[in-house]
Amino acid sequence: MPRLFTALEIPPLVAGSLAALRGGLPGARWIDAENYHITLRFIGDVDDALAHDAAMTLAAIRRSPIAITLEELSSFGGDKPRAVVVKARADRTLTELQAEQERLLRRIGVPPEPRKFAPHVTLARLRGASCASVATYLGTRGYFPPLRFEAARFVLFSSRDSVGGGPYLVEAAFPLQDRRAFPAGANELRAYGR
């Protein structure tokens, strides 16, 4: 069974800037730059039939490209830090794309996403890192200059079971372009298209 999620890919130049933030934090398992992404909707472990239905359902989405701003180096987990992340600005176009995916996937039987959408790029997963060491890491990085790019597509990724941080495989790609520019069948469906 594939483990699926939808995401925006991070362009190589932006990923290179993010990768420069790696290091200097005990207990961090740094994610490879080619696996950086902004998760839109975790789907989970599904059978091939639901994977196919998800890809076909997502192919119906018609949205324009989205301007993305990565603006804050932070951590998740509070008193038990579990990840170092760069937060993305949750502007209207990004949250609307995520909400549309949520609605469409629920219609085909994917359980609701229990977590509130918080767009971010995970730089490292933490195991045994103290709050003090995370605070020191974040403090030494100083000001984080915003990084901007335009997302011209979103993708359906698969990942290996029980391995966080990649490698991820693009199962389908869905263009984000002027709604009037979509010919029938414009989406590139790799594994689940029939």
Protein backbone atom coordinates (compact mmCIF):
# COMPACT_ATOMS: atom_id res chain seq x y z
CA MET A 1 0.00 0.00 0.00
CA PRO A 2 1.38 3.41 -0.86
CA ARG A 3 1.61 6.18 1.76
CA LEU A 4 0.47 9.32 -0.02
CA PHE A 5 0.39 13.06 0.56
CA THR A 6 0.05 16.18 -1.57
CA ALA A 7 2.64 18.92 -1.49
CA LEU A 8 4.32 21.87 -3.14
CA GLU A 9 7.89 21.20 -4.22
CA ILE A 10 10.69 23.56 -3.23
CA PRO A 11 12.76 24.87 -6.18
CA PRO A 12 16.47 23.91 -6.11
CA LEU A 13 17.77 27.46 -5.50
CA VAL A 14 15.43 27.94 -2.54
CA ALA A 15 16.25 24.45 -1.26
CA GLY A 16 19.94 25.32 -1.43
CA SER A 17 19.35 28.40 0.75
CA LEU A 18 17.42 26.28 3.24
CA ALA A 19 20.10 23.59 3.27
CA ALA A 20 22.61 26.24 4.40
CA LEU A 21 20.74 26.24 7.75
CA ARG A 22 21.74 22.63 8.44
CA GLY A 23 24.08 21.70 11.28
CA GLY A 24 24.85 22.78 14.80
CA LEU A 25 21.97 21.04 16.59
CA PRO A 26 22.58 17.81 18.53
CA GLY A 27 19.82 15.25 18.05
CA ALA A 28 18.80 16.58 14.63
CA ARG A 29 18.32 14.31 11.62
CA TRP A 30 18.59 16.75 8.70
CA ILE A 31 16.34 16.24 5.71
CA ASP A 32 18.04 16.07 2.30
CA ALA A 33 17.40 19.26 0.31
CA GLU A 34 15.85 17.34 -2.60
CA ASN A 35 13.12 16.14 -0.21
CA TYR A 36 12.06 19.59 1.01
CA HIS A 37 8.38 20.33 0.40
CA ILE A 38 5.30 22.01 1.87
CA THR A 39 2.74 19.35 2.74
CA LEU A 40 -0.78 20.31 1.73
CA ARG A 41 -2.73 17.17 2.68
CA PHE A 42 -1.55 13.92 4.25
CA ILE A 43 -3.60 11.06 2.81
CA GLY A 44 -1.92 8.10 4.49
CA ASP A 45 -1.57 4.42 3.68
CA VAL A 46 -4.16 3.57 1.05
CA ASP A 47 -4.84 0.74 -1.37
CA ASP A 48 -4.24 1.16 -5.09
CA ALA A 49 -7.94 1.80 -5.82
CA LEU A 50 -8.12 4.74 -3.40
CA ALA A 51 -4.74 6.01 -4.64
CA HIS A 52 -6.14 6.04 -8.18
CA ASP A 53 -9.33 7.78 -7.03
CA ALA A 54 -7.29 10.39 -5.16
CA ALA A 55 -5.19 11.14 -8.25
CA MET A 56 -8.27 11.43 -10.46
CA THR A 57 -10.03 13.65 -7.90
CA LEU A 58 -7.03 15.96 -7.51
CA ALA A 59 -6.81 16.27 -11.31
CA ALA A 60 -10.08 18.25 -11.22
CA ILE A 61 -8.47 21.13 -9.29
CA ARG A 62 -8.07 24.31 -11.34
CA ARG A 63 -6.01 27.00 -9.64
CA SER A 64 -3.55 29.67 -10.67
CA PRO A 65 0.13 29.58 -9.61
CA ILE A 66 0.72 30.49 -5.97
CA ALA A 67 3.29 32.95 -4.66
CA ILE A 68 5.00 31.33 -1.68
CA THR A 69 6.94 33.19 1.00
CA LEU A 70 9.06 31.25 3.48
CA GLU A 71 9.51 33.65 6.35
CA GLU A 72 10.37 32.22 9.77
CA LEU A 73 12.83 29.67 11.14
CA SER A 74 11.10 27.90 14.02
CA SER A 75 10.47 24.56 15.72
CA PHE A 76 7.45 22.35 16.39
CA GLY A 77 6.79 20.42 19.56
CA GLY A 78 6.97 23.02 22.34
CA ASP A 79 8.55 21.48 25.46
CA LYS A 80 9.40 18.34 23.48
CA PRO A 81 10.83 19.70 20.23
CA ARG A 82 10.28 17.30 17.35
CA ALA A 83 11.20 19.31 14.24
CA VAL A 84 13.04 22.36 12.96
CA VAL A 85 10.96 24.07 10.29
CA VAL A 86 10.73 27.14 8.13
CA LYS A 87 7.19 28.49 8.22
CA ALA A 88 5.46 29.62 5.04
CA ARG A 89 3.05 32.54 4.96
CA ALA A 90 -0.47 31.07 4.98
CA ASP A 91 -2.00 33.45 2.45
CA ARG A 92 -5.48 33.06 1.01
CA THR A 93 -4.50 31.27 -2.22
CA LEU A 94 -2.46 28.67 -0.36
CA THR A 95 -5.11 27.97 2.28
CA GLU A 96 -7.83 27.77 -0.39
CA LEU A 97 -5.84 25.16 -2.34
CA GLN A 98 -5.36 23.11 0.83
CA ALA A 99 -9.05 23.43 1.80
CA GLU A 100 -10.18 22.34 -1.67
CA GLN A 101 -7.99 19.24 -1.45
CA GLU A 102 -9.41 18.51 2.00
CA ARG A 103 -13.00 18.72 0.71
CA LEU A 104 -12.38 16.64 -2.41
CA LEU A 105 -10.43 13.90 -0.65
CA ARG A 106 -13.04 13.58 2.11
CA ARG A 107 -15.71 13.04 -0.57
CA ILE A 108 -13.91 9.92 -1.78
CA GLY A 109 -13.51 8.47 1.70
CA VAL A 110 -10.19 9.81 2.97
CA PRO A 111 -10.58 10.52 6.71
CA PRO A 112 -10.55 14.20 7.77
CA GLU A 113 -7.20 15.77 8.56
CA PRO A 114 -7.22 16.30 12.35
CA ARG A 115 -4.45 18.92 12.40
CA LYS A 116 -4.84 22.57 11.52
CA PHE A 117 -3.02 23.50 8.30
CA ALA A 118 0.32 25.13 9.18
CA PRO A 119 2.37 25.43 5.97
CA HIS A 120 6.05 24.81 6.52
CA VAL A 121 9.18 23.09 5.24
CA THR A 122 10.70 20.55 7.64
CA LEU A 123 14.48 20.95 7.80
CA ALA A 124 15.20 18.39 10.53
CA ARG A 125 13.44 15.84 12.67
CA LEU A 126 14.55 15.92 16.29
CA ARG A 127 15.17 13.06 18.67
CA GLY A 128 16.28 13.88 22.18
CA ALA A 129 17.05 17.52 21.40
CA SER A 130 16.58 19.75 24.44
CA CYS A 131 14.55 22.95 24.40
CA ALA A 132 17.74 24.83 25.31
CA SER A 133 19.72 23.41 22.37
CA VAL A 134 16.86 24.20 19.96
CA ALA A 135 16.61 27.75 21.34
CA THR A 136 20.37 28.16 20.96
CA TYR A 137 20.26 26.89 17.38
CA LEU A 138 17.40 29.24 16.46
CA GLY A 139 19.11 32.14 18.24
CA THR A 140 22.44 31.68 16.47
CA ARG A 141 20.78 31.67 13.06
CA GLY A 142 19.59 35.23 13.68
CA TYR A 143 17.37 36.99 11.18
CA PHE A 144 15.81 34.76 8.54
CA PRO A 145 15.45 36.65 5.25
CA PRO A 146 12.20 35.72 3.48
CA LEU A 147 12.57 33.37 0.54
CA ARG A 148 10.02 33.67 -2.28
CA PHE A 149 9.07 31.48 -5.22
CA GLU A 150 6.08 30.71 -7.38
CA ALA A 151 4.55 27.24 -7.18
CA ALA A 152 3.48 26.26 -10.69
CA ARG A 153 2.21 22.81 -9.70
CA PHE A 154 1.36 20.61 -6.75
CA VAL A 155 2.21 16.94 -6.61
CA LEU A 156 0.99 13.66 -5.18
CA PHE A 157 3.96 12.12 -3.38
CA SER A 158 4.44 8.59 -2.10
CA SER A 159 6.85 7.66 0.65
CA ARG A 160 8.22 4.47 2.08
CA ASP A 161 6.45 3.11 5.14
CA SER A 162 7.83 4.26 8.52
CA VAL A 163 10.62 6.40 7.06
CA GLY A 164 10.20 10.14 7.62
CA GLY A 165 12.11 12.62 5.51
CA GLY A 166 12.18 10.83 2.17
CA PRO A 167 12.96 9.76 -0.35
CA TYR A 168 9.68 10.74 -1.93
CA LEU A 169 8.40 9.74 -5.34
CA VAL A 170 6.17 11.98 -7.45
CA GLU A 171 3.17 9.83 -8.37
CA ALA A 172 1.26 12.61 -10.17
CA ALA A 173 1.78 16.29 -10.93
CA PHE A 174 -1.00 18.84 -11.25
CA PRO A 175 -0.28 22.19 -12.92
CA LEU A 176 -1.28 25.47 -11.34
CA GLN A 177 -1.91 27.86 -14.19
CA ASP A 178 -4.48 30.32 -15.46
CA ARG A 179 -7.78 28.44 -15.23
CA ARG A 180 -8.58 29.24 -18.88
CA ALA A 181 -5.37 27.51 -19.99
CA PHE A 182 -6.34 23.99 -18.92
CA PRO A 183 -6.91 21.59 -21.79
CA ALA A 184 -8.65 18.34 -20.97
CA GLY A 185 -6.19 15.85 -19.54
CA ALA A 186 -3.56 18.49 -18.76
CA ASN A 187 -2.43 16.79 -15.56
CA GLU A 188 0.49 14.40 -15.63
CA LEU A 189 -0.53 11.19 -13.89
CA ARG A 190 2.31 8.72 -13.55
CA ALA A 191 1.49 5.65 -11.50
CA TYR A 192 -2.19 6.02 -10.84
CA GLY A 193 -3.47 7.39 -14.13
CA ARG A 194 -5.21 4.90 -16.38
